Amino acid sequence: MAEAIREAKRCLGCKVPQCRKGCPISNDIPAWIHELSMGNLGNAMAIINLRSNLPAVCGRVCAHERQCEGHCVLGKQGAHINIGKLERFVSDFDSDMRLTRENIVQKDRGRVAVIGSGPAGLTVAGELARKGVAVEIFEMEPEAGGVLMFGIPEYRLPKEVVRKEIAKIQQLGVTVRCGVTIGVDYTVDDLFAQGFDAIFMGTGTGKPRRLGVPGENLWGVRYALWFLRRVSLWREGFIGRDEVIVREGDRVFVVGCGNTAMDAARTAVRLGASEVTILYHRDIERMAALRSEYDEAVAEGVKFCWNTSIKNIHDTDGTLDAIVLDTPEGERIVPADKVIMAVGSSPAARIVSTTEGIDVNERGYVITREVPYGMSTRRGVFAGGDVTGNQATVVHAMQDARRVAEGMLAYLDAIKLFEAIDNKDNKNI
């Protein structure tokens, strides 16, 4: 507590706070830091909650060095305020002490089904529930959280933190139904038939991008999101260790250099791989990952091959044993046991293929309108986050989802208005 307050007191309280400009959701950072500096943690949490539904998550996984902290004026002196750690401290203290308990608002503004419980889905659910909407979340996994629970490793984002954030949203009156796959168990039309006024698709991008490399279909080749999901399922006790592809002593190569690639590489190290190497077709200056993520990966023993592409994945009698690389020095053949692809993904087609009227672009992303913001070409069906091509970070998904929630509220209010007009006309008749 004393350390957090000392750090908060360093904030200059800038009249034009650059840190807030650097935050995708425009969190009022100076205001809540000021409250923290005086020991008013309840007030600090209340200010954070005005803009963020997942503060304990953002405090851990946001790209602070590129966003709020990267814009802090004290950074020019090499001593920016540790905004991420302060947000994490306030959020954790609030959860542990149970300081904040929001009143449940009467749910008389409509019913909404939210498909997916990742950052976008949870944000929409929280925003709508606070504004008087009855919200029900449908999640295909055995536990809610989406990529937060099954795509980000435990060492970066403890699962208990995610559970606490979801519990706060449930306390707003949100219902969560796990183990339900929309497009298989129910269609969008089924949800409308159940009485939902609008539907939000926050299903992310679960379909991995393929490179078309010979040998890509071998058993020893897996995609990063699939790999990370399996590791999380194993750690949470849903599957056995034998269902996680990386074994102790494996020589693992990760293709790609974004934060997901870093997560996959560092997870492979923790699983006991003897050697983990990231292959990237560009140089270090153009990698998508944060420099801090790179530094931590190097510290853990991950190796990097820059300006290097994978040309072929070789096997002997169906068992992966080597890969062919295109390097600045020429073609090289190196021994390998496992290859993990972290080169991007696109939306799955389960919902779109079972629903008429939802148009997608040539890459499979859902097309949405500006007015009301986030509505697809099917009236009443909204989408946001990765499934619309707005993928980036957790906080960017939240930023987009907040705008979609505003569009959904406008749509719900319009429905109520026209229902009232129709009822009045019928009475006059």
Protein backbone atom coordinates (compact mmCIF):
# COMPACT_ATOMS: atom_id res chain seq x y z
CA MET A 1 0.00 0.00 0.00
CA ALA A 2 2.73 2.46 1.00
CA GLU A 3 4.69 1.70 -2.18
CA ALA A 4 1.59 2.22 -4.36
CA ILE A 5 0.75 5.53 -2.71
CA ARG A 6 4.35 6.76 -3.10
CA GLU A 7 4.26 5.89 -6.79
CA ALA A 8 0.87 7.59 -7.22
CA LYS A 9 2.18 10.78 -5.61
CA ARG A 10 4.76 11.09 -8.42
CA CYS A 11 1.95 11.82 -10.91
CA LEU A 12 2.06 15.44 -12.06
CA GLY A 13 -1.68 15.67 -12.69
CA CYS A 14 -1.12 17.18 -16.15
CA LYS A 15 -3.81 19.58 -17.39
CA VAL A 16 -3.68 17.82 -20.75
CA PRO A 17 -2.89 14.23 -19.70
CA GLN A 18 -1.04 12.44 -22.48
CA CYS A 19 -1.44 9.15 -20.64
CA ARG A 20 -5.20 9.34 -21.15
CA LYS A 21 -4.71 10.10 -24.84
CA GLY A 22 -2.58 6.96 -25.09
CA CYS A 23 -5.29 4.78 -23.52
CA PRO A 24 -7.63 3.23 -26.13
CA ILE A 25 -10.59 3.41 -23.73
CA SER A 26 -9.69 6.94 -22.49
CA ASN A 27 -9.40 5.86 -18.87
CA ASP A 28 -9.23 8.96 -16.62
CA ILE A 29 -5.82 7.94 -15.34
CA PRO A 30 -4.80 11.16 -13.50
CA ALA A 31 -8.13 11.22 -11.62
CA TRP A 32 -7.94 7.71 -10.19
CA ILE A 33 -4.21 7.99 -9.50
CA HIS A 34 -4.94 11.17 -7.52
CA GLU A 35 -7.52 9.30 -5.44
CA LEU A 36 -5.02 6.49 -4.87
CA SER A 37 -2.36 8.99 -3.77
CA MET A 38 -4.70 10.02 -0.95
CA GLY A 39 -5.54 6.42 -0.03
CA ASN A 40 -9.08 6.60 -1.44
CA LEU A 41 -9.08 3.21 -3.16
CA GLY A 42 -12.85 2.99 -3.38
CA ASN A 43 -13.00 6.30 -5.26
CA ALA A 44 -10.12 5.23 -7.50
CA MET A 45 -11.94 2.00 -8.38
CA ALA A 46 -15.19 3.86 -9.09
CA ILE A 47 -13.39 6.10 -11.61
CA ILE A 48 -11.73 3.13 -13.31
CA ASN A 49 -15.08 1.32 -13.55
CA LEU A 50 -16.53 4.21 -15.55
CA ARG A 51 -14.39 3.19 -18.53
CA SER A 52 -13.22 -0.37 -17.94
CA ASN A 53 -15.00 -3.64 -17.21
CA LEU A 54 -11.74 -5.60 -16.88
CA PRO A 55 -9.24 -3.44 -14.96
CA ALA A 56 -7.36 -6.31 -13.29
CA VAL A 57 -6.85 -7.84 -16.73
CA CYS A 58 -5.80 -4.57 -18.37
CA GLY A 59 -3.35 -3.90 -15.54
CA ARG A 60 -1.57 -7.11 -16.50
CA VAL A 61 -1.78 -7.59 -20.26
CA CYS A 62 -2.18 -4.13 -21.83
CA ALA A 63 0.67 -2.82 -23.97
CA HIS A 64 1.44 -0.10 -21.42
CA GLU A 65 4.79 0.78 -22.97
CA ARG A 66 3.01 1.73 -26.22
CA GLN A 67 -0.09 3.22 -24.63
CA CYS A 68 -0.53 5.05 -21.30
CA GLU A 69 3.00 4.67 -19.93
CA GLY A 70 4.53 5.34 -23.33
CA HIS A 71 2.74 8.72 -23.40
CA CYS A 72 3.54 9.75 -19.81
CA VAL A 73 5.51 13.02 -19.83
CA LEU A 74 7.80 11.68 -17.11
CA GLY A 75 8.91 9.03 -19.56
CA LYS A 76 11.15 11.63 -21.21
CA GLN A 77 13.20 11.50 -18.02
CA GLY A 78 13.17 7.70 -18.05
CA ALA A 79 10.80 7.52 -15.06
CA HIS A 80 7.20 7.15 -16.29
CA ILE A 81 4.48 6.43 -13.75
CA ASN A 82 3.93 2.65 -13.45
CA ILE A 83 0.29 2.98 -14.46
CA GLY A 84 -0.24 -0.70 -15.24
CA LYS A 85 1.02 -1.85 -11.85
CA LEU A 86 -1.06 0.79 -10.07
CA GLU A 87 -4.22 -0.27 -11.92
CA ARG A 88 -3.48 -3.88 -11.05
CA PHE A 89 -2.93 -2.93 -7.39
CA VAL A 90 -6.19 -0.98 -7.11
CA SER A 91 -8.19 -3.72 -8.87
CA ASP A 92 -6.71 -6.57 -6.82
CA PHE A 93 -7.20 -4.66 -3.56
CA ASP A 94 -10.79 -3.92 -4.50
CA SER A 95 -11.47 -7.61 -5.23
CA ASP A 96 -9.66 -8.93 -2.17
CA MET A 97 -11.34 -6.45 0.20
CA ARG A 98 -14.68 -6.54 -1.66
CA LEU A 99 -14.86 -2.76 -1.62
CA THR A 100 -17.06 -2.25 -4.68
CA ARG A 101 -20.50 -3.79 -4.92
CA GLU A 102 -22.58 -2.14 -7.61
CA ASN A 103 -26.35 -2.04 -7.33
CA ILE A 104 -28.24 -4.20 -9.81
CA VAL A 105 -30.20 -1.95 -12.17
CA GLN A 106 -33.76 -2.95 -13.07
CA LYS A 107 -33.63 -4.84 -16.35
CA ASP A 108 -36.43 -3.17 -18.31
CA ARG A 109 -34.59 -1.97 -21.40
CA GLY A 110 -34.58 -5.22 -23.38
CA ARG A 111 -32.97 -8.68 -23.59
CA VAL A 112 -29.61 -9.31 -25.28
CA ALA A 113 -27.74 -12.54 -26.03
CA VAL A 114 -23.95 -12.24 -26.06
CA ILE A 115 -22.10 -14.95 -27.98
CA GLY A 116 -18.60 -15.41 -26.58
CA SER A 117 -17.13 -14.36 -23.22
CA GLY A 118 -13.81 -12.88 -24.28
CA PRO A 119 -12.87 -9.21 -23.76
CA ALA A 120 -15.46 -7.92 -26.26
CA GLY A 121 -18.31 -10.08 -25.00
CA LEU A 122 -17.63 -9.31 -21.33
CA THR A 123 -17.37 -5.59 -22.05
CA VAL A 124 -20.68 -5.48 -23.93
CA ALA A 125 -22.33 -7.54 -21.19
CA GLY A 126 -21.08 -5.24 -18.43
CA GLU A 127 -21.96 -2.03 -20.28
CA LEU A 128 -25.48 -3.17 -21.13
CA ALA A 129 -26.21 -4.64 -17.69
CA ARG A 130 -25.30 -1.34 -16.04
CA LYS A 131 -27.78 0.42 -18.37
CA GLY A 132 -30.79 -1.76 -17.56
CA VAL A 133 -30.50 -4.55 -20.15
CA ALA A 134 -31.02 -8.22 -19.29
CA VAL A 135 -27.93 -10.01 -20.66
CA GLU A 136 -27.23 -13.71 -21.17
CA ILE A 137 -23.78 -14.88 -22.30
CA PHE A 138 -23.34 -18.08 -24.33
CA GLU A 139 -19.83 -19.60 -24.17
CA MET A 140 -18.72 -22.76 -25.98
CA GLU A 141 -15.86 -23.56 -23.57
CA PRO A 142 -16.42 -25.31 -20.21
CA GLU A 143 -15.59 -22.05 -18.41
CA ALA A 144 -16.14 -18.38 -19.27
CA GLY A 145 -13.33 -16.02 -20.23
CA GLY A 146 -12.56 -16.82 -23.88
CA VAL A 147 -9.03 -15.86 -24.84
CA LEU A 148 -8.45 -14.46 -21.34
CA MET A 149 -8.96 -17.92 -19.86
CA PHE A 150 -7.75 -20.18 -22.66
CA GLY A 151 -5.45 -18.07 -24.83
CA ILE A 152 -3.24 -16.06 -22.47
CA PRO A 153 -0.82 -18.11 -20.33
CA GLU A 154 -1.15 -18.30 -16.56
CA TYR A 155 2.18 -16.57 -15.98
CA ARG A 156 0.89 -13.44 -17.75
CA LEU A 157 -2.71 -13.55 -16.57
CA PRO A 158 -3.62 -15.76 -13.59
CA LYS A 159 -6.93 -17.51 -14.20
CA GLU A 160 -8.21 -16.61 -10.74
CA VAL A 161 -7.94 -12.94 -11.73
CA VAL A 162 -10.15 -13.61 -14.77
CA ARG A 163 -12.67 -15.47 -12.63
CA LYS A 164 -12.92 -12.53 -10.22
CA GLU A 165 -13.50 -10.09 -13.08
CA ILE A 166 -16.23 -12.31 -14.54
CA ALA A 167 -17.82 -12.64 -11.08
CA LYS A 168 -18.08 -8.84 -10.88
CA ILE A 169 -19.92 -8.76 -14.20
CA GLN A 170 -22.24 -11.56 -13.07
CA GLN A 171 -23.03 -9.53 -9.95
CA LEU A 172 -24.54 -6.92 -12.28
CA GLY A 173 -27.22 -9.49 -13.12
CA VAL A 174 -25.54 -11.08 -16.17
CA THR A 175 -26.22 -14.80 -16.73
CA VAL A 176 -23.43 -17.00 -18.15
CA ARG A 177 -24.14 -20.32 -19.90
CA CYS A 178 -21.03 -22.39 -20.67
CA GLY A 179 -20.71 -25.41 -22.93
CA VAL A 180 -23.17 -23.95 -25.44
CA THR A 181 -22.02 -23.48 -29.04
CA ILE A 182 -24.11 -21.09 -31.13
CA GLY A 183 -24.29 -22.43 -34.66
CA VAL A 184 -24.40 -25.99 -33.32
CA ASP A 185 -26.63 -26.16 -30.23
CA TYR A 186 -28.66 -23.09 -31.19
CA THR A 187 -28.77 -20.81 -34.20
CA VAL A 188 -29.19 -17.04 -34.17
CA ASP A 189 -32.78 -17.56 -35.26
CA ASP A 190 -33.31 -19.83 -32.24
CA LEU A 191 -32.10 -17.06 -29.95
CA PHE A 192 -34.49 -14.55 -31.46
CA ALA A 193 -37.28 -17.12 -31.07
CA GLN A 194 -36.38 -17.34 -27.36
CA GLY A 195 -37.26 -13.66 -27.01
CA PHE A 196 -33.94 -11.86 -27.28
CA ASP A 197 -34.26 -8.36 -28.75
CA ALA A 198 -30.67 -8.22 -30.04
CA ILE A 199 -27.60 -10.43 -30.30
CA PHE A 200 -23.90 -9.60 -30.00
CA MET A 201 -21.25 -11.71 -31.72
CA GLY A 202 -17.94 -11.55 -29.88
CA THR A 203 -16.62 -14.87 -31.10
CA GLY A 204 -13.06 -13.84 -31.98
CA THR A 205 -10.92 -15.48 -34.61
CA GLY A 206 -10.67 -19.19 -33.97
CA LYS A 207 -9.73 -20.31 -37.48
CA PRO A 208 -5.91 -20.33 -37.91
CA ARG A 209 -4.25 -18.87 -40.96
CA ARG A 210 -2.34 -21.39 -43.08
CA LEU A 211 0.99 -20.72 -44.79
CA GLY A 212 0.65 -23.46 -47.40
CA VAL A 213 4.03 -24.95 -46.45
CA PRO A 214 4.63 -28.60 -47.41
CA GLY A 215 4.24 -30.75 -44.30
CA GLU A 216 1.92 -28.27 -42.56
CA ASN A 217 -0.62 -31.03 -41.93
CA LEU A 218 1.76 -33.30 -40.01
CA TRP A 219 0.80 -34.31 -36.47
CA GLY A 220 3.74 -32.40 -34.96
CA VAL A 221 2.52 -29.08 -36.39
CA ARG A 222 -0.03 -27.08 -34.41
CA TYR A 223 -1.35 -23.54 -34.34
CA ALA A 224 -0.47 -21.23 -31.46
CA LEU A 225 -4.01 -20.48 -30.25
CA TRP A 226 -4.87 -24.19 -30.34
CA PHE A 227 -1.66 -25.01 -28.45
CA LEU A 228 -2.23 -22.35 -25.78
CA ARG A 229 -5.85 -23.43 -25.39
CA ARG A 230 -4.82 -27.06 -24.82
CA VAL A 231 -2.25 -26.03 -22.23
CA SER A 232 -4.88 -24.00 -20.35
CA LEU A 233 -7.40 -26.85 -20.52
CA TRP A 234 -4.76 -29.21 -19.10
CA ARG A 235 -3.76 -26.84 -16.30
CA GLU A 236 -7.41 -26.38 -15.34
CA GLY A 237 -7.94 -30.15 -15.23
CA PHE A 238 -10.20 -30.52 -18.27
CA ILE A 239 -7.79 -32.74 -20.27
CA GLY A 240 -4.72 -34.89 -19.58
CA ARG A 241 -1.05 -33.94 -20.03
CA ASP A 242 -0.77 -36.39 -22.94
CA GLU A 243 -3.13 -34.15 -24.93
CA VAL A 244 -0.62 -31.28 -24.87
CA ILE A 245 1.62 -31.68 -27.89
CA VAL A 246 4.95 -30.38 -26.53
CA ARG A 247 6.91 -32.97 -24.56
CA GLU A 248 9.95 -32.65 -22.34
CA GLY A 249 13.13 -32.52 -24.43
CA ASP A 250 11.38 -31.43 -27.65
CA ARG A 251 13.06 -29.08 -30.11
CA VAL A 252 10.33 -26.55 -30.81
CA PHE A 253 10.13 -23.91 -33.53
CA VAL A 254 7.57 -21.10 -33.40
CA VAL A 255 6.74 -19.31 -36.66
CA GLY A 256 5.79 -15.65 -36.19
CA CYS A 257 6.81 -12.86 -33.82
CA GLY A 258 3.73 -11.29 -32.26
CA ASN A 259 2.75 -11.50 -28.60
CA THR A 260 0.96 -14.81 -29.26
CA ALA A 261 4.19 -16.25 -30.65
CA MET A 262 6.03 -15.09 -27.53
CA ASP A 263 3.37 -16.70 -25.35
CA ALA A 264 3.64 -19.97 -27.26
CA ALA A 265 7.46 -19.99 -27.07
CA ARG A 266 7.62 -19.20 -23.36
CA THR A 267 4.91 -21.77 -22.65
CA ALA A 268 6.91 -24.41 -24.54
CA VAL A 269 9.93 -23.59 -22.35
CA ARG A 270 7.80 -24.08 -19.25
CA LEU A 271 6.63 -27.46 -20.56
CA GLY A 272 10.23 -28.68 -20.64
CA ALA A 273 11.24 -28.23 -24.29
CA SER A 274 15.01 -28.56 -24.65
CA GLU A 275 15.23 -25.81 -27.25
CA VAL A 276 12.72 -23.19 -28.40
CA THR A 277 13.37 -20.96 -31.41
CA ILE A 278 11.20 -18.23 -32.93
CA LEU A 279 11.42 -17.83 -36.71
CA TYR A 280 10.54 -14.44 -38.18
CA HIS A 281 10.71 -13.31 -41.80
CA ARG A 282 11.60 -9.73 -40.83
CA ASP A 283 14.06 -8.14 -38.41
CA ILE A 284 13.68 -7.30 -34.73
CA GLU A 285 12.70 -3.68 -35.45
CA ARG A 286 9.56 -4.80 -37.28
CA MET A 287 8.30 -7.49 -34.92
CA ALA A 288 4.73 -7.07 -33.69
CA ALA A 289 5.53 -8.16 -30.14
CA LEU A 290 6.36 -5.72 -27.37
CA ARG A 291 10.07 -5.25 -26.70
CA SER A 292 9.47 -6.20 -23.08
CA GLU A 293 7.96 -9.51 -24.21
CA TYR A 294 11.03 -10.14 -26.36
CA ASP A 295 13.41 -9.33 -23.50
CA GLU A 296 11.59 -11.69 -21.15
CA ALA A 297 11.59 -14.47 -23.75
CA VAL A 298 15.34 -14.10 -24.27
CA ALA A 299 15.88 -14.18 -20.49
CA GLU A 300 14.03 -17.50 -20.39
CA GLY A 301 16.22 -19.02 -23.10
CA VAL A 302 14.13 -18.55 -26.25
CA LYS A 303 16.27 -18.16 -29.37
CA PHE A 304 15.46 -16.00 -32.40
CA CYS A 305 16.20 -16.37 -36.12
CA TRP A 306 15.55 -13.08 -37.93
CA ASN A 307 14.87 -12.68 -41.66
CA THR A 308 14.13 -16.39 -41.77
CA SER A 309 11.19 -18.22 -43.36
CA ILE A 310 10.11 -21.84 -43.15
CA LYS A 311 10.04 -23.55 -46.57
CA ASN A 312 9.32 -27.17 -45.78
CA ILE A 313 8.45 -29.42 -42.85
CA HIS A 314 10.13 -32.79 -43.26
CA ASP A 315 9.06 -36.14 -41.81
CA THR A 316 10.15 -39.76 -41.73
CA ASP A 317 7.26 -42.21 -41.95
CA GLY A 318 4.85 -39.49 -40.81
CA THR A 319 6.95 -38.30 -37.86
CA LEU A 320 8.21 -34.72 -38.03
CA ASP A 321 12.00 -34.70 -37.72
CA ALA A 322 13.34 -31.60 -39.51
CA ILE A 323 12.45 -28.28 -41.11
CA VAL A 324 13.90 -26.47 -44.11
CA LEU A 325 14.66 -22.79 -43.55
CA ASP A 326 15.32 -19.93 -45.94
CA THR A 327 17.88 -17.75 -44.16
CA PRO A 328 20.11 -14.79 -45.15
CA GLU A 329 22.95 -17.33 -45.42
CA GLY A 330 20.93 -19.61 -47.67
CA GLU A 331 18.84 -22.73 -47.23
CA ARG A 332 19.32 -24.73 -44.04
CA ILE A 333 17.96 -28.02 -42.74
CA VAL A 334 17.64 -28.23 -38.95
CA PRO A 335 16.35 -31.02 -36.69
CA ALA A 336 12.92 -30.36 -35.15
CA ASP A 337 10.27 -32.17 -33.12
CA LYS A 338 7.40 -29.68 -33.07
CA VAL A 339 6.37 -26.61 -35.07
CA ILE A 340 3.90 -24.04 -33.73
CA MET A 341 2.36 -21.59 -36.19
CA ALA A 342 1.61 -18.10 -34.85
CA VAL A 343 0.86 -16.29 -38.09
CA GLY A 344 -2.66 -14.99 -37.53
CA SER A 345 -6.22 -16.26 -37.67
CA SER A 346 -9.67 -15.48 -39.05
CA PRO A 347 -13.27 -15.98 -37.84
CA ALA A 348 -14.88 -19.40 -37.85
CA ALA A 349 -18.03 -19.68 -39.97
CA ARG A 350 -20.31 -21.58 -37.56
CA ILE A 351 -22.68 -18.69 -36.92
CA VAL A 352 -22.61 -17.07 -40.35
CA SER A 353 -23.15 -20.38 -42.15
CA THR A 354 -26.24 -21.17 -40.06
CA THR A 355 -27.80 -17.71 -40.28
CA GLU A 356 -29.22 -15.84 -43.24
CA GLY A 357 -28.45 -12.18 -43.73
CA ILE A 358 -25.05 -11.80 -42.00
CA ASP A 359 -22.60 -10.66 -44.68
CA VAL A 360 -18.84 -11.05 -44.38
CA ASN A 361 -15.96 -9.63 -46.41
CA GLU A 362 -13.53 -11.61 -48.56
CA ARG A 363 -11.49 -12.53 -45.47
CA GLY A 364 -14.49 -13.80 -43.51
CA TYR A 365 -14.88 -10.83 -41.13
CA VAL A 366 -18.41 -9.70 -40.27
CA ILE A 367 -19.41 -6.47 -42.02
CA THR A 368 -20.91 -3.91 -39.64
CA ARG A 369 -22.59 -0.50 -39.91
CA GLU A 370 -21.63 2.86 -38.49
CA VAL A 371 -25.27 3.61 -37.50
CA PRO A 372 -26.19 1.98 -35.25
CA TYR A 373 -22.55 1.24 -34.63
CA GLY A 374 -21.68 -2.44 -34.80
CA MET A 375 -24.88 -3.80 -36.34
CA SER A 376 -24.35 -6.37 -39.07
CA THR A 377 -26.35 -6.62 -42.28
CA ARG A 378 -28.86 -8.73 -40.29
CA ARG A 379 -31.10 -6.43 -38.26
CA GLY A 380 -30.61 -6.89 -34.53
CA VAL A 381 -27.34 -8.84 -34.86
CA PHE A 382 -24.29 -6.87 -33.75
CA ALA A 383 -20.60 -7.78 -33.79
CA GLY A 384 -17.37 -6.37 -32.41
CA GLY A 385 -13.74 -7.08 -31.65
CA ASP A 386 -11.73 -9.66 -33.58
CA VAL A 387 -14.69 -11.11 -35.50
CA THR A 388 -15.07 -7.79 -37.37
CA GLY A 389 -11.36 -7.47 -38.17
CA ASN A 390 -10.68 -4.98 -35.37
CA GLN A 391 -8.24 -7.33 -33.69
CA ALA A 392 -5.29 -5.98 -31.79
CA THR A 393 -5.07 -6.16 -28.01
CA VAL A 394 -7.49 -6.87 -25.19
CA VAL A 395 -8.04 -3.17 -24.59
CA HIS A 396 -8.68 -2.48 -28.28
CA ALA A 397 -11.36 -5.17 -28.28
CA MET A 398 -12.86 -3.44 -25.23
CA GLN A 399 -12.68 -0.07 -26.98
CA ASP A 400 -14.63 -1.39 -29.96
CA ALA A 401 -17.10 -3.25 -27.73
CA ARG A 402 -17.94 -0.09 -25.77
CA ARG A 403 -18.95 1.62 -29.01
CA VAL A 404 -21.02 -1.40 -30.04
CA ALA A 405 -22.79 -1.35 -26.67
CA GLU A 406 -23.80 2.26 -27.33
CA GLY A 407 -25.14 1.24 -30.74
CA MET A 408 -27.09 -1.63 -29.19
CA LEU A 409 -28.66 0.66 -26.59
CA ALA A 410 -29.80 3.03 -29.32
CA TYR A 411 -31.29 0.07 -31.21
CA LEU A 412 -33.06 -1.30 -28.12
CA ASP A 413 -34.52 2.11 -27.30
CA ALA A 414 -35.76 2.46 -30.88
CA ILE A 415 -37.52 -0.91 -30.60
CA LYS A 416 -39.25 0.19 -27.39
CA LEU A 417 -40.28 3.48 -29.00
CA PHE A 418 -41.89 1.85 -32.04
CA GLU A 419 -43.58 -0.76 -29.84
CA ALA A 420 -45.10 2.06 -27.79
CA ILE A 421 -46.27 3.82 -30.98
CA ASP A 422 -47.80 0.62 -32.35
CA ASN A 423 -49.59 -0.10 -29.07
CA LYS A 424 -51.02 3.42 -28.98
CA ASP A 425 -52.20 3.19 -32.60
CA ASN A 426 -53.87 -0.17 -31.92
CA LYS A 427 -55.70 1.28 -28.93
CA ASN A 428 -56.95 4.20 -31.05
CA ILE A 429 -58.26 1.78 -33.64
